[in-house]
Amino acid sequence: METEAGAVPTARPRRGLVIALVLVAVAAAAFEFWPATNPAAPAAAPSKPRRTSAKVPDVIEPSDLVVRLDELKAQRPDSGPVERNPFRFQPKAPPPPPPGPPVAARPAPQPTEPVGPAPPPPIPLKFIGIVEPKPGDRVAAFSDCRYTFRGREGDVIDGRYRLVKIGIESVIMEYADGRGRTTIRLSGQECVGR
């Protein structure tokens, strides 16, 4: 008999799968119930033998079985208030001192003004390049994004700033009176397009 293409075959367990499951179940049961030690091997002696310090009497006297209820009802000494903290292993802190007269609060310290004149504002020029018309003769070019200035070491630029030193990627400038010495790095064409 042929099965049709669209028909679903009936589900029958395969013989090999059933045998494997039975073997796994038998192995698990054997592992669970099999004795852990070899019965032929002698049992290991305990590392620390037990010692009995007192002999247990074979017979208990009836006078030992008397319950003394009057001792249970007796007043226990009062230990006072106890503060317990199992995580603190320190002596109890002494009680705080009694409150004294009120202390006037000190006023907060006022920030002090810096002594001396304020530092000059930063130099607003951009270092845009170096021109070397002759070997050893360096001319630095600057811009304030409106005008372009040039100068050699020691020249006064824009009537306010002195060019102290020309380096490879930076220049050192200060105000004409010697204040506010600063290093200006080569910044290229930052003012282009403004």
Protein backbone atom coordinates (compact mmCIF):
# COMPACT_ATOMS: atom_id res chain seq x y z
CA MET A 1 0.00 0.00 0.00
CA GLU A 2 1.40 3.36 -0.94
CA THR A 3 0.94 6.51 1.08
CA GLU A 4 -0.37 9.59 -0.54
CA ALA A 5 1.94 12.58 -0.91
CA GLY A 6 -0.11 14.82 1.41
CA ALA A 7 -0.80 12.21 4.10
CA VAL A 8 1.07 12.37 7.40
CA PRO A 9 2.60 9.02 8.44
CA THR A 10 1.65 7.69 11.89
CA ALA A 11 4.17 8.32 14.61
CA ARG A 12 5.72 5.06 15.84
CA PRO A 13 8.64 5.02 18.22
CA ARG A 14 11.73 3.57 16.75
CA ARG A 15 13.05 0.37 18.25
CA GLY A 16 16.62 1.72 18.73
CA LEU A 17 15.40 4.82 20.59
CA VAL A 18 13.33 2.73 23.01
CA ILE A 19 16.28 0.41 23.72
CA ALA A 20 18.57 3.40 24.38
CA LEU A 21 16.10 4.95 26.84
CA VAL A 22 15.76 1.64 28.72
CA LEU A 23 19.56 1.31 28.98
CA VAL A 24 19.89 4.88 30.31
CA ALA A 25 17.19 4.22 32.93
CA VAL A 26 18.91 0.99 34.04
CA ALA A 27 22.29 2.73 34.29
CA ALA A 28 20.82 5.60 36.35
CA ALA A 29 19.13 3.16 38.74
CA ALA A 30 22.32 1.11 39.12
CA PHE A 31 24.38 4.23 39.82
CA GLU A 32 21.88 5.45 42.40
CA PHE A 33 21.54 2.22 44.36
CA TRP A 34 25.01 0.66 43.93
CA PRO A 35 27.07 0.68 47.15
CA ALA A 36 29.68 3.47 47.26
CA THR A 37 32.43 1.45 48.94
CA ASN A 38 33.92 -1.89 48.06
CA PRO A 39 32.46 -4.48 50.48
CA ALA A 40 35.70 -6.47 50.45
CA ALA A 41 37.78 -3.45 51.54
CA PRO A 42 37.95 -2.72 55.27
CA ALA A 43 36.17 0.41 56.45
CA ALA A 44 38.43 3.39 57.07
CA ALA A 45 39.06 4.18 60.70
CA PRO A 46 37.81 7.59 61.83
CA SER A 47 40.58 10.19 61.99
CA LYS A 48 39.61 11.24 65.51
CA PRO A 49 38.12 8.50 67.70
CA ARG A 50 35.31 9.52 70.03
CA ARG A 51 36.02 9.65 73.71
CA THR A 52 33.29 9.41 76.26
CA SER A 53 34.06 11.65 79.21
CA ALA A 54 31.25 10.50 81.49
CA LYS A 55 29.63 7.14 81.81
CA VAL A 56 25.92 7.07 81.22
CA PRO A 57 24.15 5.32 84.08
CA ASP A 58 22.05 2.38 83.12
CA VAL A 59 19.34 3.25 85.62
CA ILE A 60 17.83 6.74 86.15
CA GLU A 61 16.83 7.58 89.71
CA PRO A 62 13.30 8.95 90.24
CA SER A 63 14.69 11.86 92.32
CA ASP A 64 16.53 13.11 89.22
CA LEU A 65 13.21 13.51 87.41
CA VAL A 66 11.77 16.12 89.79
CA VAL A 67 10.95 19.44 88.09
CA ARG A 68 11.63 22.44 90.31
CA LEU A 69 8.90 24.88 89.24
CA ASP A 70 9.60 27.31 92.09
CA GLU A 71 13.04 28.05 90.61
CA LEU A 72 11.45 28.89 87.25
CA LYS A 73 9.06 31.38 88.89
CA ALA A 74 11.78 33.16 90.87
CA GLN A 75 12.56 36.82 90.10
CA ARG A 76 15.56 37.29 87.82
CA PRO A 77 17.99 40.15 88.39
CA ASP A 78 17.39 43.11 86.07
CA SER A 79 20.35 43.79 83.79
CA GLY A 80 19.12 47.23 82.71
CA PRO A 81 18.69 48.46 79.14
CA VAL A 82 20.94 46.61 76.75
CA GLU A 83 21.79 47.74 73.27
CA ARG A 84 22.72 44.73 71.18
CA ASN A 85 24.41 44.78 67.81
CA PRO A 86 25.88 41.45 66.72
CA PHE A 87 27.98 43.18 64.03
CA ARG A 88 29.77 45.61 66.33
CA PHE A 89 32.65 44.37 68.45
CA GLN A 90 33.56 47.57 70.24
CA PRO A 91 33.03 48.82 73.77
CA LYS A 92 29.93 50.90 74.27
CA ALA A 93 30.49 54.57 73.51
CA PRO A 94 30.36 56.93 76.49
CA PRO A 95 27.18 58.97 76.78
CA PRO A 96 27.23 62.42 75.17
CA PRO A 97 28.14 65.32 77.44
CA PRO A 98 25.28 67.34 78.85
CA PRO A 99 24.23 70.27 76.69
CA GLY A 100 26.08 73.44 77.55
CA PRO A 101 25.33 77.04 76.73
CA PRO A 102 24.55 77.68 73.05
CA VAL A 103 27.52 78.57 70.92
CA ALA A 104 27.16 81.39 68.41
CA ALA A 105 27.68 80.23 64.86
CA ARG A 106 30.75 81.64 63.21
CA PRO A 107 30.08 83.61 60.05
CA ALA A 108 31.26 81.98 56.86
CA PRO A 109 34.61 83.33 55.69
CA GLN A 110 34.24 85.84 52.89
CA PRO A 111 36.25 85.18 49.74
CA THR A 112 39.22 87.47 49.59
CA GLU A 113 39.87 89.67 46.60
CA PRO A 114 43.09 88.90 44.73
CA VAL A 115 45.80 91.31 45.65
CA GLY A 116 47.25 93.28 42.77
CA PRO A 117 45.95 94.25 39.38
CA ALA A 118 43.86 91.90 37.29
CA PRO A 119 45.77 89.96 34.63
CA PRO A 120 45.58 91.41 31.14
CA PRO A 121 43.06 89.91 28.69
CA PRO A 122 44.34 87.20 26.35
CA ILE A 123 45.91 88.26 23.07
CA PRO A 124 43.20 87.88 20.37
CA LEU A 125 45.53 87.29 17.41
CA LYS A 126 45.68 83.99 15.49
CA PHE A 127 49.09 82.72 14.33
CA ILE A 128 48.48 81.72 10.71
CA GLY A 129 51.93 81.00 9.29
CA ILE A 130 55.65 81.69 8.81
CA VAL A 131 57.40 83.24 5.79
CA GLU A 132 61.18 82.90 5.34
CA PRO A 133 62.32 85.33 2.58
CA LYS A 134 66.03 84.65 3.26
CA PRO A 135 67.55 81.74 5.20
CA GLY A 136 67.47 82.61 8.93
CA ASP A 137 65.09 85.59 8.41
CA ARG A 138 61.67 84.49 9.69
CA VAL A 139 58.50 86.55 9.45
CA ALA A 140 55.35 85.45 11.35
CA ALA A 141 51.87 86.20 10.02
CA PHE A 142 48.90 86.93 12.33
CA SER A 143 45.24 87.71 11.87
CA ASP A 144 42.44 89.02 14.06
CA CYS A 145 39.87 87.79 11.47
CA ARG A 146 39.63 91.34 10.03
CA TYR A 147 43.20 92.34 9.32
CA THR A 148 46.48 90.52 8.71
CA PHE A 149 49.70 91.49 10.54
CA ARG A 150 53.32 90.41 10.12
CA GLY A 151 56.48 90.79 12.16
CA ARG A 152 59.92 89.50 13.13
CA GLU A 153 61.20 88.63 16.63
CA GLY A 154 61.22 91.81 18.76
CA ASP A 155 58.70 93.73 16.58
CA VAL A 156 55.55 95.32 18.01
CA ILE A 157 52.42 94.01 16.26
CA ASP A 158 49.29 96.17 15.96
CA GLY A 159 50.92 98.72 18.29
CA ARG A 160 50.00 96.61 21.39
CA TYR A 161 51.78 93.23 21.26
CA ARG A 162 55.49 92.34 21.17
CA LEU A 163 56.64 89.23 19.27
CA VAL A 164 59.17 87.56 21.62
CA LYS A 165 60.07 84.36 19.77
CA ILE A 166 59.07 82.54 16.57
CA GLY A 167 59.07 78.74 16.83
CA ILE A 168 58.19 76.05 14.29
CA GLU A 169 54.53 75.56 15.34
CA SER A 170 54.03 78.41 17.82
CA VAL A 171 55.07 81.93 18.76
CA ILE A 172 55.56 83.62 22.13
CA MET A 173 53.91 87.04 22.46
CA GLU A 174 53.34 89.55 25.25
CA TYR A 175 51.85 92.98 25.67
CA ALA A 176 54.17 95.84 24.70
CA ASP A 177 54.67 96.71 28.41
CA GLY A 178 55.91 93.14 29.18
CA ARG A 179 52.75 91.74 30.84
CA GLY A 180 50.70 88.69 29.80
CA ARG A 181 53.33 86.52 28.08
CA THR A 182 51.57 83.70 26.24
CA THR A 183 52.21 81.02 23.63
CA ILE A 184 50.03 81.07 20.51
CA ARG A 185 49.93 77.85 18.48
CA LEU A 186 49.79 77.73 14.70
CA SER A 187 46.08 77.67 13.86
CA GLY A 188 46.03 77.91 10.08
CA GLN A 189 43.07 79.55 8.44
CA GLU A 190 40.51 79.72 11.26
CA CYS A 191 39.21 83.08 10.08
CA VAL A 192 38.50 82.02 6.49
CA GLY A 193 34.77 82.16 5.74
CA ARG A 194 33.81 84.48 8.61
